[in-house]
Amino acid sequence: MVHEVLNQIFLRLEQARKAGTPVRMNLLYRAATYDLISDYAFGQGSICFSREDLNKPYFDAYRDMVSASWHFGCYFGWIGRNTRKLPSFVIKKMMPTSQHFINVIEVIYTFHLRLLLVHG
């Protein structure tokens, strides 16, 4: 999988070079890290590299969600604990930027439920 991800990185860099467009390296590295960890931990590779946008909405939502809630979570731990008890549609209304992040979590959760049902 590491070789596949490296090939994808080089392919994206070559495409950008030919097109003369800049490359957001932090997005490229986030996508590579996400795909590697997803493959080794869950057996789901090429989630980000299979998308033209490298799953940018997910990473943007994650950054926005963390920056918005970091200070509250550090000093008022009960806020995070109570927020996690809310249904996802409420969180999406309260924090629209979290929608992509929550969608990915729901897909992974569904995938794991199916694995449990199949393999007991």
PDB file of N, CA and C in Angstrom:
ATOM      1  N   MET A   1       0.822  -1.201   0.000  1.00  0.00           N
ATOM      2  CA  MET A   1       0.000   0.000   0.000  1.00  0.00           C
ATOM      3  C   MET A   1       0.864   1.262   0.000  1.00  0.00           C
ATOM      4  N   VAL A   2       1.988   1.236   0.660  1.00  0.00           N
ATOM      5  CA  VAL A   2       2.855   2.413   0.707  1.00  0.00           C
ATOM      6  C   VAL A   2       3.306   2.783  -0.702  1.00  0.00           C
ATOM      7  N   HIS A   3       3.659   1.777  -1.488  1.00  0.00           N
ATOM      8  CA  HIS A   3       4.094   2.043  -2.868  1.00  0.00           C
ATOM      9  C   HIS A   3       2.953   2.622  -3.707  1.00  0.00           C
ATOM     10  N   GLU A   4       1.738   2.135  -3.482  1.00  0.00           N
ATOM     11  CA  GLU A   4       0.585   2.667  -4.210  1.00  0.00           C
ATOM     12  C   GLU A   4       0.365   4.135  -3.878  1.00  0.00           C
ATOM     13  N   VAL A   5       0.453   4.466  -2.599  1.00  0.00           N
ATOM     14  CA  VAL A   5       0.252   5.855  -2.176  1.00  0.00           C
ATOM     15  C   VAL A   5       1.363   6.746  -2.727  1.00  0.00           C
ATOM     16  N   LEU A   6       2.607   6.278  -2.669  1.00  0.00           N
ATOM     17  CA  LEU A   6       3.711   7.056  -3.239  1.00  0.00           C
ATOM     18  C   LEU A   6       3.514   7.269  -4.733  1.00  0.00           C
ATOM     19  N   ASN A   7       3.064   6.253  -5.436  1.00  0.00           N
ATOM     20  CA  ASN A   7       2.789   6.402  -6.867  1.00  0.00           C
ATOM     21  C   ASN A   7       1.691   7.429  -7.118  1.00  0.00           C
ATOM     22  N   GLN A   8       0.672   7.417  -6.264  1.00  0.00           N
ATOM     23  CA  GLN A   8      -0.405   8.401  -6.387  1.00  0.00           C
ATOM     24  C   GLN A   8       0.110   9.820  -6.143  1.00  0.00           C
ATOM     25  N   ILE A   9       0.991   9.972  -5.145  1.00  0.00           N
ATOM     26  CA  ILE A   9       1.578  11.287  -4.862  1.00  0.00           C
ATOM     27  C   ILE A   9       2.370  11.768  -6.070  1.00  0.00           C
ATOM     28  N   PHE A  10       3.230  10.905  -6.599  1.00  0.00           N
ATOM     29  CA  PHE A  10       4.038  11.288  -7.756  1.00  0.00           C
ATOM     30  C   PHE A  10       3.169  11.601  -8.978  1.00  0.00           C
ATOM     31  N   LEU A  11       2.101  10.842  -9.153  1.00  0.00           N
ATOM     32  CA  LEU A  11       1.183  11.086 -10.263  1.00  0.00           C
ATOM     33  C   LEU A  11       0.538  12.465 -10.127  1.00  0.00           C
ATOM     34  N   ARG A  12       0.060  12.788  -8.921  1.00  0.00           N
ATOM     35  CA  ARG A  12      -0.551  14.107  -8.693  1.00  0.00           C
ATOM     36  C   ARG A  12       0.463  15.232  -8.899  1.00  0.00           C
ATOM     37  N   LEU A  13       1.691  15.027  -8.441  1.00  0.00           N
ATOM     38  CA  LEU A  13       2.727  16.047  -8.628  1.00  0.00           C
ATOM     39  C   LEU A  13       3.047  16.238 -10.105  1.00  0.00           C
ATOM     40  N   GLU A  14       3.115  15.147 -10.837  1.00  0.00           N
ATOM     41  CA  GLU A  14       3.401  15.223 -12.279  1.00  0.00           C
ATOM     42  C   GLU A  14       2.259  15.912 -13.023  1.00  0.00           C
ATOM     43  N   GLN A  15       1.018  15.610 -12.653  1.00  0.00           N
ATOM     44  CA  GLN A  15      -0.128  16.260 -13.286  1.00  0.00           C
ATOM     45  C   GLN A  15      -0.105  17.765 -13.028  1.00  0.00           C
ATOM     46  N   ALA A  16       0.218  18.155 -11.810  1.00  0.00           N
ATOM     47  CA  ALA A  16       0.284  19.575 -11.462  1.00  0.00           C
ATOM     48  C   ALA A  16       1.429  20.261 -12.206  1.00  0.00           C
ATOM     49  N   ARG A  17       2.555  19.576 -12.341  1.00  0.00           N
ATOM     50  CA  ARG A  17       3.693  20.150 -13.062  1.00  0.00           C
ATOM     51  C   ARG A  17       3.336  20.408 -14.517  1.00  0.00           C
ATOM     52  N   LYS A  18       2.688  19.419 -15.140  1.00  0.00           N
ATOM     53  CA  LYS A  18       2.304  19.572 -16.545  1.00  0.00           C
ATOM     54  C   LYS A  18       1.272  20.685 -16.734  1.00  0.00           C
ATOM     55  N   ALA A  19       0.359  20.790 -15.781  1.00  0.00           N
ATOM     56  CA  ALA A  19      -0.684  21.815 -15.882  1.00  0.00           C
ATOM     57  C   ALA A  19      -0.189  23.183 -15.411  1.00  0.00           C
ATOM     58  N   GLY A  20       0.952  23.199 -14.727  1.00  0.00           N
ATOM     59  CA  GLY A  20       1.477  24.455 -14.208  1.00  0.00           C
ATOM     60  C   GLY A  20       0.684  25.003 -13.036  1.00  0.00           C
ATOM     61  N   THR A  21       0.047  24.113 -12.297  1.00  0.00           N
ATOM     62  CA  THR A  21      -0.759  24.530 -11.148  1.00  0.00           C
ATOM     63  C   THR A  21      -0.019  24.239  -9.846  1.00  0.00           C
ATOM     64  N   PRO A  22      -0.254  25.050  -8.833  1.00  0.00           N
ATOM     65  CA  PRO A  22       0.390  24.795  -7.548  1.00  0.00           C
ATOM     66  C   PRO A  22      -0.221  23.568  -6.863  1.00  0.00           C
ATOM     67  N   VAL A  23       0.536  22.973  -5.965  1.00  0.00           N
ATOM     68  CA  VAL A  23       0.088  21.790  -5.229  1.00  0.00           C
ATOM     69  C   VAL A  23       0.011  22.148  -3.752  1.00  0.00           C
ATOM     70  N   ARG A  24      -1.118  21.848  -3.154  1.00  0.00           N
ATOM     71  CA  ARG A  24      -1.250  22.028  -1.701  1.00  0.00           C
ATOM     72  C   ARG A  24      -0.668  20.778  -1.043  1.00  0.00           C
ATOM     73  N   MET A  25       0.580  20.880  -0.648  1.00  0.00           N
ATOM     74  CA  MET A  25       1.289  19.714  -0.110  1.00  0.00           C
ATOM     75  C   MET A  25       0.660  19.202   1.178  1.00  0.00           C
ATOM     76  N   ASN A  26       0.149  20.111   2.015  1.00  0.00           N
ATOM     77  CA  ASN A  26      -0.466  19.631   3.252  1.00  0.00           C
ATOM     78  C   ASN A  26      -1.695  18.766   2.954  1.00  0.00           C
ATOM     79  N   LEU A  27      -2.464  19.108   1.932  1.00  0.00           N
ATOM     80  CA  LEU A  27      -3.612  18.287   1.552  1.00  0.00           C
ATOM     81  C   LEU A  27      -3.153  16.948   0.979  1.00  0.00           C
ATOM     82  N   LEU A  28      -2.094  16.994   0.184  1.00  0.00           N
ATOM     83  CA  LEU A  28      -1.551  15.772  -0.392  1.00  0.00           C
ATOM     84  C   LEU A  28      -1.065  14.817   0.701  1.00  0.00           C
ATOM     85  N   TYR A  29      -0.370  15.339   1.685  1.00  0.00           N
ATOM     86  CA  TYR A  29       0.123  14.503   2.783  1.00  0.00           C
ATOM     87  C   TYR A  29      -1.005  14.013   3.689  1.00  0.00           C
ATOM     88  N   ARG A  30      -2.010  14.847   3.909  1.00  0.00           N
ATOM     89  CA  ARG A  30      -3.162  14.399   4.698  1.00  0.00           C
ATOM     90  C   ARG A  30      -3.877  13.247   4.005  1.00  0.00           C
ATOM     91  N   ALA A  31      -4.053  13.383   2.697  1.00  0.00           N
ATOM     92  CA  ALA A  31      -4.717  12.319   1.933  1.00  0.00           C
ATOM     93  C   ALA A  31      -3.904  11.030   1.977  1.00  0.00           C
ATOM     94  N   ALA A  32      -2.587  11.159   1.834  1.00  0.00           N
ATOM     95  CA  ALA A  32      -1.720   9.978   1.877  1.00  0.00           C
ATOM     96  C   ALA A  32      -1.793   9.304   3.237  1.00  0.00           C
ATOM     97  N   THR A  33      -1.707  10.086   4.288  1.00  0.00           N
ATOM     98  CA  THR A  33      -1.772   9.535   5.650  1.00  0.00           C
ATOM     99  C   THR A  33      -3.113   8.866   5.901  1.00  0.00           C
ATOM    100  N   TYR A  34      -4.182   9.522   5.487  1.00  0.00           N
ATOM    101  CA  TYR A  34      -5.521   8.973   5.692  1.00  0.00           C
ATOM    102  C   TYR A  34      -5.677   7.637   4.968  1.00  0.00           C
ATOM    103  N   ASP A  35      -5.239   7.585   3.706  1.00  0.00           N
ATOM    104  CA  ASP A  35      -5.379   6.341   2.944  1.00  0.00           C
ATOM    105  C   ASP A  35      -4.526   5.215   3.526  1.00  0.00           C
ATOM    106  N   LEU A  36      -3.311   5.538   3.948  1.00  0.00           N
ATOM    107  CA  LEU A  36      -2.452   4.502   4.539  1.00  0.00           C
ATOM    108  C   LEU A  36      -3.050   3.946   5.828  1.00  0.00           C
ATOM    109  N   ILE A  37      -3.462   4.826   6.705  1.00  0.00           N
ATOM    110  CA  ILE A  37      -4.030   4.374   7.983  1.00  0.00           C
ATOM    111  C   ILE A  37      -5.338   3.631   7.749  1.00  0.00           C
ATOM    112  N   SER A  38      -6.170   4.119   6.846  1.00  0.00           N
ATOM    113  CA  SER A  38      -7.438   3.441   6.559  1.00  0.00           C
ATOM    114  C   SER A  38      -7.206   2.040   6.022  1.00  0.00           C
ATOM    115  N   ASP A  39      -6.189   1.908   5.192  1.00  0.00           N
ATOM    116  CA  ASP A  39      -5.908   0.588   4.634  1.00  0.00           C
ATOM    117  C   ASP A  39      -5.392  -0.368   5.698  1.00  0.00           C
ATOM    118  N   TYR A  40      -4.444   0.075   6.494  1.00  0.00           N
ATOM    119  CA  TYR A  40      -3.870  -0.813   7.508  1.00  0.00           C
ATOM    120  C   TYR A  40      -4.831  -1.101   8.656  1.00  0.00           C
ATOM    121  N   ALA A  41      -5.627  -0.110   9.039  1.00  0.00           N
ATOM    122  CA  ALA A  41      -6.531  -0.305  10.178  1.00  0.00           C
ATOM    123  C   ALA A  41      -7.849  -0.950   9.788  1.00  0.00           C
ATOM    124  N   PHE A  42      -8.396  -0.580   8.627  1.00  0.00           N
ATOM    125  CA  PHE A  42      -9.744  -1.016   8.280  1.00  0.00           C
ATOM    126  C   PHE A  42      -9.832  -1.778   6.969  1.00  0.00           C
ATOM    127  N   GLY A  43      -8.727  -1.872   6.222  1.00  0.00           N
ATOM    128  CA  GLY A  43      -8.763  -2.552   4.940  1.00  0.00           C
ATOM    129  C   GLY A  43      -9.437  -1.746   3.847  1.00  0.00           C
ATOM    130  N   GLN A  44      -9.530  -0.435   4.029  1.00  0.00           N
ATOM    131  CA  GLN A  44     -10.162   0.445   3.039  1.00  0.00           C
ATOM    132  C   GLN A  44      -9.113   1.405   2.510  1.00  0.00           C
ATOM    133  N   GLY A  45      -8.489   1.091   1.400  1.00  0.00           N
ATOM    134  CA  GLY A  45      -7.468   1.969   0.850  1.00  0.00           C
ATOM    135  C   GLY A  45      -8.010   2.897  -0.211  1.00  0.00           C
ATOM    136  N   SER A  46      -7.223   3.859  -0.596  1.00  0.00           N
ATOM    137  CA  SER A  46      -7.522   4.816  -1.672  1.00  0.00           C
ATOM    138  C   SER A  46      -8.867   5.497  -1.516  1.00  0.00           C
ATOM    139  N   ILE A  47      -9.173   5.928  -0.331  1.00  0.00           N
ATOM    140  CA  ILE A  47     -10.396   6.698  -0.111  1.00  0.00           C
ATOM    141  C   ILE A  47     -10.200   8.120  -0.623  1.00  0.00           C
ATOM    142  N   CYS A  48      -9.096   8.737  -0.260  1.00  0.00           N
ATOM    143  CA  CYS A  48      -8.838  10.124  -0.658  1.00  0.00           C
ATOM    144  C   CYS A  48      -8.293  10.227  -2.071  1.00  0.00           C
ATOM    145  N   PHE A  49      -7.365   9.365  -2.430  1.00  0.00           N
ATOM    146  CA  PHE A  49      -6.757   9.457  -3.754  1.00  0.00           C
ATOM    147  C   PHE A  49      -7.709   9.030  -4.858  1.00  0.00           C
ATOM    148  N   SER A  50      -8.786   8.357  -4.524  1.00  0.00           N
ATOM    149  CA  SER A  50      -9.764   7.998  -5.545  1.00  0.00           C
ATOM    150  C   SER A  50     -10.651   9.192  -5.900  1.00  0.00           C
ATOM    151  N   ARG A  51     -10.533  10.262  -5.124  1.00  0.00           N
ATOM    152  CA  ARG A  51     -11.329  11.466  -5.376  1.00  0.00           C
ATOM    153  C   ARG A  51     -10.463  12.546  -6.009  1.00  0.00           C
ATOM    154  N   GLU A  52     -11.038  13.267  -6.922  1.00  0.00           N
ATOM    155  CA  GLU A  52     -10.317  14.356  -7.590  1.00  0.00           C
ATOM    156  C   GLU A  52      -9.875  15.423  -6.592  1.00  0.00           C
ATOM    157  N   ASP A  53     -10.729  15.696  -5.598  1.00  0.00           N
ATOM    158  CA  ASP A  53     -10.434  16.756  -4.619  1.00  0.00           C
ATOM    159  C   ASP A  53      -9.641  16.260  -3.414  1.00  0.00           C
ATOM    160  N   LEU A  54      -9.180  15.012  -3.450  1.00  0.00           N
ATOM    161  CA  LEU A  54      -8.411  14.390  -2.355  1.00  0.00           C
ATOM    162  C   LEU A  54      -9.170  14.408  -1.026  1.00  0.00           C
ATOM    163  N   ASN A  55     -10.480  14.450  -1.088  1.00  0.00           N
ATOM    164  CA  ASN A  55     -11.335  14.467   0.100  1.00  0.00           C
ATOM    165  C   ASN A  55     -11.157  15.766   0.893  1.00  0.00           C
ATOM    166  N   LYS A  56     -10.898  16.855   0.187  1.00  0.00           N
ATOM    167  CA  LYS A  56     -10.671  18.160   0.808  1.00  0.00           C
ATOM    168  C   LYS A  56     -11.823  18.605   1.720  1.00  0.00           C
ATOM    169  N   PRO A  57     -13.100  18.405   1.344  1.00  0.00           N
ATOM    170  CA  PRO A  57     -14.177  18.828   2.250  1.00  0.00           C
ATOM    171  C   PRO A  57     -14.090  18.175   3.637  1.00  0.00           C
ATOM    172  N   TYR A  58     -13.681  16.912   3.667  1.00  0.00           N
ATOM    173  CA  TYR A  58     -13.524  16.220   4.956  1.00  0.00           C
ATOM    174  C   TYR A  58     -12.443  16.889   5.796  1.00  0.00           C
ATOM    175  N   PHE A  59     -11.281  17.145   5.192  1.00  0.00           N
ATOM    176  CA  PHE A  59     -10.178  17.744   5.944  1.00  0.00           C
ATOM    177  C   PHE A  59     -10.498  19.172   6.366  1.00  0.00           C
ATOM    178  N   ASP A  60     -11.203  19.922   5.521  1.00  0.00           N
ATOM    179  CA  ASP A  60     -11.614  21.280   5.895  1.00  0.00           C
ATOM    180  C   ASP A  60     -12.603  21.248   7.053  1.00  0.00           C
ATOM    181  N   ALA A  61     -13.550  20.330   6.982  1.00  0.00           N
ATOM    182  CA  ALA A  61     -14.537  20.215   8.061  1.00  0.00           C
ATOM    183  C   ALA A  61     -13.870  19.814   9.368  1.00  0.00           C
ATOM    184  N   TYR A  62     -12.932  18.906   9.288  1.00  0.00           N
ATOM    185  CA  TYR A  62     -12.214  18.474  10.489  1.00  0.00           C
ATOM    186  C   TYR A  62     -11.462  19.653  11.108  1.00  0.00           C
ATOM    187  N   ARG A  63     -10.730  20.409  10.267  1.00  0.00           N
ATOM    188  CA  ARG A  63      -9.980  21.557  10.765  1.00  0.00           C
ATOM    189  C   ARG A  63     -10.917  22.591  11.397  1.00  0.00           C
ATOM    190  N   ASP A  64     -12.018  22.898  10.718  1.00  0.00           N
ATOM    191  CA  ASP A  64     -12.966  23.876  11.248  1.00  0.00           C
ATOM    192  C   ASP A  64     -13.601  23.400  12.545  1.00  0.00           C
ATOM    193  N   MET A  65     -13.927  22.123  12.597  1.00  0.00           N
ATOM    194  CA  MET A  65     -14.563  21.593  13.794  1.00  0.00           C
ATOM    195  C   MET A  65     -13.600  21.604  14.975  1.00  0.00           C
ATOM    196  N   VAL A  66     -12.366  21.207  14.720  1.00  0.00           N
ATOM    197  CA  VAL A  66     -11.385  21.165  15.806  1.00  0.00           C
ATOM    198  C   VAL A  66     -11.045  22.567  16.279  1.00  0.00           C
ATOM    199  N   SER A  67     -10.852  23.501  15.353  1.00  0.00           N
ATOM    200  CA  SER A  67     -10.497  24.852  15.773  1.00  0.00           C
ATOM    201  C   SER A  67     -11.652  25.525  16.503  1.00  0.00           C
ATOM    202  N   ALA A  68     -12.887  25.198  16.138  1.00  0.00           N
ATOM    203  CA  ALA A  68     -14.038  25.804  16.801  1.00  0.00           C
ATOM    204  C   ALA A  68     -14.272  25.226  18.194  1.00  0.00           C
ATOM    205  N   SER A  69     -13.942  23.970  18.386  1.00  0.00           N
ATOM    206  CA  SER A  69     -14.286  23.327  19.660  1.00  0.00           C
ATOM    207  C   SER A  69     -13.084  23.045  20.564  1.00  0.00           C
ATOM    208  N   TRP A  70     -11.875  23.284  20.085  1.00  0.00           N
ATOM    209  CA  TRP A  70     -10.693  22.915  20.849  1.00  0.00           C
ATOM    210  C   TRP A  70     -10.653  23.567  22.226  1.00  0.00           C
ATOM    211  N   HIS A  71     -10.798  24.875  22.282  1.00  0.00           N
ATOM    212  CA  HIS A  71     -10.686  25.586  23.552  1.00  0.00           C
ATOM    213  C   HIS A  71     -11.814  25.218  24.507  1.00  0.00           C
ATOM    214  N   PHE A  72     -13.014  25.074  23.960  1.00  0.00           N
ATOM    215  CA  PHE A  72     -14.123  24.660  24.814  1.00  0.00           C
ATOM    216  C   PHE A  72     -13.881  23.267  25.374  1.00  0.00           C
ATOM    217  N   GLY A  73     -13.406  22.375  24.526  1.00  0.00           N
ATOM    218  CA  GLY A  73     -13.160  21.002  24.953  1.00  0.00           C
ATOM    219  C   GLY A  73     -12.071  20.896  26.003  1.00  0.00           C
ATOM    220  N   CYS A  74     -11.071  21.768  25.914  1.00  0.00           N
ATOM    221  CA  CYS A  74      -9.980  21.737  26.895  1.00  0.00           C
ATOM    222  C   CYS A  74     -10.437  22.164  28.273  1.00  0.00           C
ATOM    223  N   TYR A  75     -11.255  23.189  28.326  1.00  0.00           N
ATOM    224  CA  TYR A  75     -11.622  23.774  29.613  1.00  0.00           C
ATOM    225  C   TYR A  75     -12.990  23.352  30.118  1.00  0.00           C
ATOM    226  N   PHE A  76     -13.834  22.922  29.212  1.00  0.00           N
ATOM    227  CA  PHE A  76     -15.178  22.497  29.600  1.00  0.00           C
ATOM    228  C   PHE A  76     -15.458  21.130  28.985  1.00  0.00           C
ATOM    229  N   GLY A  77     -14.877  20.102  29.562  1.00  0.00           N
ATOM    230  CA  GLY A  77     -14.986  18.750  29.025  1.00  0.00           C
ATOM    231  C   GLY A  77     -16.407  18.248  28.905  1.00  0.00           C
ATOM    232  N   TRP A  78     -17.280  18.721  29.744  1.00  0.00           N
ATOM    233  CA  TRP A  78     -18.665  18.271  29.721  1.00  0.00           C
ATOM    234  C   TRP A  78     -19.375  18.666  28.425  1.00  0.00           C
ATOM    235  N   ILE A  79     -18.908  19.735  27.768  1.00  0.00           N
ATOM    236  CA  ILE A  79     -19.544  20.154  26.516  1.00  0.00           C
ATOM    237  C   ILE A  79     -19.370  19.070  25.453  1.00  0.00           C
ATOM    238  N   GLY A  80     -18.152  18.572  25.315  1.00  0.00           N
ATOM    239  CA  GLY A  80     -17.902  17.516  24.332  1.00  0.00           C
ATOM    240  C   GLY A  80     -18.653  16.240  24.648  1.00  0.00           C
ATOM    241  N   ARG A  81     -18.668  15.870  25.919  1.00  0.00           N
ATOM    242  CA  ARG A  81     -19.389  14.642  26.303  1.00  0.00           C
ATOM    243  C   ARG A  81     -20.875  14.756  25.993  1.00  0.00           C
ATOM    244  N   ASN A  82     -21.459  15.905  26.265  1.00  0.00           N
ATOM    245  CA  ASN A  82     -22.890  16.084  25.991  1.00  0.00           C
ATOM    246  C   ASN A  82     -23.172  16.241  24.501  1.00  0.00           C
ATOM    247  N   THR A  83     -22.272  16.880  23.777  1.00  0.00           N
ATOM    248  CA  THR A  83     -22.451  17.049  22.340  1.00  0.00           C
ATOM    249  C   THR A  83     -22.429  15.701  21.634  1.00  0.00           C
ATOM    250  N   ARG A  84     -21.566  14.790  22.066  1.00  0.00           N
ATOM    251  CA  ARG A  84     -21.487  13.465  21.439  1.00  0.00           C
ATOM    252  C   ARG A  84     -22.769  12.656  21.632  1.00  0.00           C
ATOM    253  N   LYS A  85     -23.593  13.029  22.593  1.00  0.00           N
ATOM    254  CA  LYS A  85     -24.850  12.320  22.823  1.00  0.00           C
ATOM    255  C   LYS A  85     -25.963  12.791  21.890  1.00  0.00           C
ATOM    256  N   LEU A  86     -25.749  13.921  21.215  1.00  0.00           N
ATOM    257  CA  LEU A  86     -26.774  14.463  20.325  1.00  0.00           C
ATOM    258  C   LEU A  86     -26.823  13.686  19.011  1.00  0.00           C
ATOM    259  N   PRO A  87     -27.992  13.623  18.392  1.00  0.00           N
ATOM    260  CA  PRO A  87     -28.083  12.973  17.076  1.00  0.00           C
ATOM    261  C   PRO A  87     -27.264  13.754  16.043  1.00  0.00           C
ATOM    262  N   SER A  88     -26.786  13.058  15.029  1.00  0.00           N
ATOM    263  CA  SER A  88     -25.914  13.695  14.049  1.00  0.00           C
ATOM    264  C   SER A  88     -26.606  14.825  13.292  1.00  0.00           C
ATOM    265  N   PHE A  89     -27.931  14.723  13.051  1.00  0.00           N
ATOM    266  CA  PHE A  89     -28.606  15.799  12.321  1.00  0.00           C
ATOM    267  C   PHE A  89     -28.613  17.099  13.126  1.00  0.00           C
ATOM    268  N   VAL A  90     -28.599  17.009  14.445  1.00  0.00           N
ATOM    269  CA  VAL A  90     -28.543  18.212  15.285  1.00  0.00           C
ATOM    270  C   VAL A  90     -27.156  18.845  15.183  1.00  0.00           C
ATOM    271  N   ILE A  91     -26.128  18.022  15.235  1.00  0.00           N
ATOM    272  CA  ILE A  91     -24.750  18.526  15.114  1.00  0.00           C
ATOM    273  C   ILE A  91     -24.556  19.197  13.760  1.00  0.00           C
ATOM    274  N   LYS A  92     -25.098  18.595  12.697  1.00  0.00           N
ATOM    275  CA  LYS A  92     -24.962  19.167  11.359  1.00  0.00           C
ATOM    276  C   LYS A  92     -25.647  20.529  11.267  1.00  0.00           C
ATOM    277  N   LYS A  93     -26.754  20.702  11.985  1.00  0.00           N
ATOM    278  CA  LYS A  93     -27.442  21.999  12.000  1.00  0.00           C
ATOM    279  C   LYS A  93     -26.654  23.027  12.814  1.00  0.00           C
ATOM    280  N   MET A  94     -26.125  22.588  13.951  1.00  0.00           N
ATOM    281  CA  MET A  94     -25.365  23.492  14.811  1.00  0.00           C
ATOM    282  C   MET A  94     -24.043  23.895  14.171  1.00  0.00           C
ATOM    283  N   MET A  95     -23.424  22.967  13.477  1.00  0.00           N
ATOM    284  CA  MET A  95     -22.091  23.169  12.908  1.00  0.00           C
ATOM    285  C   MET A  95     -22.069  22.617  11.484  1.00  0.00           C
ATOM    286  N   PRO A  96     -22.530  23.375  10.510  1.00  0.00           N
ATOM    287  CA  PRO A  96     -22.633  22.866   9.136  1.00  0.00           C
ATOM    288  C   PRO A  96     -21.309  22.363   8.565  1.00  0.00           C
ATOM    289  N   THR A  97     -20.189  22.909   9.013  1.00  0.00           N
ATOM    290  CA  THR A  97     -18.900  22.464   8.481  1.00  0.00           C
ATOM    291  C   THR A  97     -18.567  21.038   8.895  1.00  0.00           C
ATOM    292  N   SER A  98     -19.259  20.507   9.878  1.00  0.00           N
ATOM    293  CA  SER A  98     -18.968  19.153  10.345  1.00  0.00           C
ATOM    294  C   SER A  98     -19.657  18.077   9.512  1.00  0.00           C
ATOM    295  N   GLN A  99     -20.480  18.474   8.549  1.00  0.00           N
ATOM    296  CA  GLN A  99     -21.270  17.503   7.793  1.00  0.00           C
ATOM    297  C   GLN A  99     -20.416  16.449   7.101  1.00  0.00           C
ATOM    298  N   HIS A 100     -19.355  16.851   6.408  1.00  0.00           N
ATOM    299  CA  HIS A 100     -18.512  15.876   5.701  1.00  0.00           C
ATOM    300  C   HIS A 100     -17.823  14.944   6.692  1.00  0.00           C
ATOM    301  N   PHE A 101     -17.368  15.493   7.800  1.00  0.00           N
ATOM    302  CA  PHE A 101     -16.699  14.692   8.820  1.00  0.00           C
ATOM    303  C   PHE A 101     -17.658  13.659   9.401  1.00  0.00           C
ATOM    304  N   ILE A 102     -18.854  14.077   9.723  1.00  0.00           N
ATOM    305  CA  ILE A 102     -19.853  13.164  10.289  1.00  0.00           C
ATOM    306  C   ILE A 102     -20.235  12.100   9.261  1.00  0.00           C
ATOM    307  N   ASN A 103     -20.355  12.479   7.994  1.00  0.00           N
ATOM    308  CA  ASN A 103     -20.690  11.489   6.954  1.00  0.00           C
ATOM    309  C   ASN A 103     -19.641  10.392   6.875  1.00  0.00           C
ATOM    310  N   VAL A 104     -18.372  10.749   6.957  1.00  0.00           N
ATOM    311  CA  VAL A 104     -17.299   9.743   6.917  1.00  0.00           C
ATOM    312  C   VAL A 104     -17.387   8.831   8.139  1.00  0.00           C
ATOM    313  N   ILE A 105     -17.628   9.407   9.298  1.00  0.00           N
ATOM    314  CA  ILE A 105     -17.752   8.601  10.519  1.00  0.00           C
ATOM    315  C   ILE A 105     -18.925   7.628  10.389  1.00  0.00           C
ATOM    316  N   GLU A 106     -20.034   8.085   9.841  1.00  0.00           N
ATOM    317  CA  GLU A 106     -21.200   7.214   9.685  1.00  0.00           C
ATOM    318  C   GLU A 106     -20.913   6.069   8.703  1.00  0.00           C
ATOM    319  N   VAL A 107     -20.164   6.342   7.643  1.00  0.00           N
ATOM    320  CA  VAL A 107     -19.804   5.287   6.684  1.00  0.00           C
ATOM    321  C   VAL A 107     -18.912   4.248   7.354  1.00  0.00           C
ATOM    322  N   ILE A 108     -17.920   4.705   8.100  1.00  0.00           N
ATOM    323  CA  ILE A 108     -17.019   3.777   8.796  1.00  0.00           C
ATOM    324  C   ILE A 108     -17.787   2.974   9.837  1.00  0.00           C
ATOM    325  N   TYR A 109     -18.683   3.619  10.567  1.00  0.00           N
ATOM    326  CA  TYR A 109     -19.489   2.934  11.581  1.00  0.00           C
ATOM    327  C   TYR A 109     -20.356   1.852  10.933  1.00  0.00           C
ATOM    328  N   THR A 110     -20.986   2.174   9.810  1.00  0.00           N
ATOM    329  CA  THR A 110     -21.818   1.204   9.095  1.00  0.00           C
ATOM    330  C   THR A 110     -20.982   0.034   8.598  1.00  0.00           C
ATOM    331  N   PHE A 111     -19.793   0.341   8.092  1.00  0.00           N
ATOM    332  CA  PHE A 111     -18.882  -0.705   7.619  1.00  0.00           C
ATOM    333  C   PHE A 111     -18.537  -1.669   8.758  1.00  0.00           C
ATOM    334  N   HIS A 112     -18.243  -1.137   9.927  1.00  0.00           N
ATOM    335  CA  HIS A 112     -17.887  -1.993  11.064  1.00  0.00           C
ATOM    336  C   HIS A 112     -19.082  -2.798  11.566  1.00  0.00           C
ATOM    337  N   LEU A 113     -20.257  -2.212  11.532  1.00  0.00           N
ATOM    338  CA  LEU A 113     -21.451  -2.977  11.918  1.00  0.00           C
ATOM    339  C   LEU A 113     -21.661  -4.158  10.981  1.00  0.00           C
ATOM    340  N   ARG A 114     -21.471  -3.935   9.686  1.00  0.00           N
ATOM    341  CA  ARG A 114     -21.621  -5.029   8.728  1.00  0.00           C
ATOM    342  C   ARG A 114     -20.596  -6.129   8.968  1.00  0.00           C
ATOM    343  N   LEU A 115     -19.371  -5.725   9.291  1.00  0.00           N
ATOM    344  CA  LEU A 115     -18.338  -6.725   9.592  1.00  0.00           C
ATOM    345  C   LEU A 115     -18.726  -7.540  10.824  1.00  0.00           C
ATOM    346  N   LEU A 116     -19.248  -6.882  11.836  1.00  0.00           N
ATOM    347  CA  LEU A 116     -19.660  -7.599  13.047  1.00  0.00           C
ATOM    348  C   LEU A 116     -20.798  -8.571  12.749  1.00  0.00           C
ATOM    349  N   LEU A 117     -21.733  -8.144  11.922  1.00  0.00           N
ATOM    350  CA  LEU A 117     -22.865  -9.011  11.600  1.00  0.00           C
ATOM    351  C   LEU A 117     -22.419 -10.223  10.780  1.00  0.00           C
ATOM    352  N   VAL A 118     -21.481 -10.024   9.883  1.00  0.00           N
ATOM    353  CA  VAL A 118     -21.014 -11.111   9.028  1.00  0.00           C
ATOM    354  C   VAL A 118     -20.110 -12.071   9.798  1.00  0.00           C
ATOM    355  N   HIS A 119     -19.182 -11.513  10.580  1.00  0.00           N
ATOM    356  CA  HIS A 119     -18.172 -12.334  11.245  1.00  0.00           C
ATOM    357  C   HIS A 119     -18.459 -12.602  12.719  1.00  0.00           C
ATOM    358  N   GLY A 120     -19.537 -12.056  13.188  1.00  0.00           N
ATOM    359  CA  GLY A 120     -19.951 -12.320  14.573  1.00  0.00           C
ATOM    360  C   GLY A 120     -19.075 -11.687  15.523  1.00  0.00           C
TER     361      GLY A 120
END
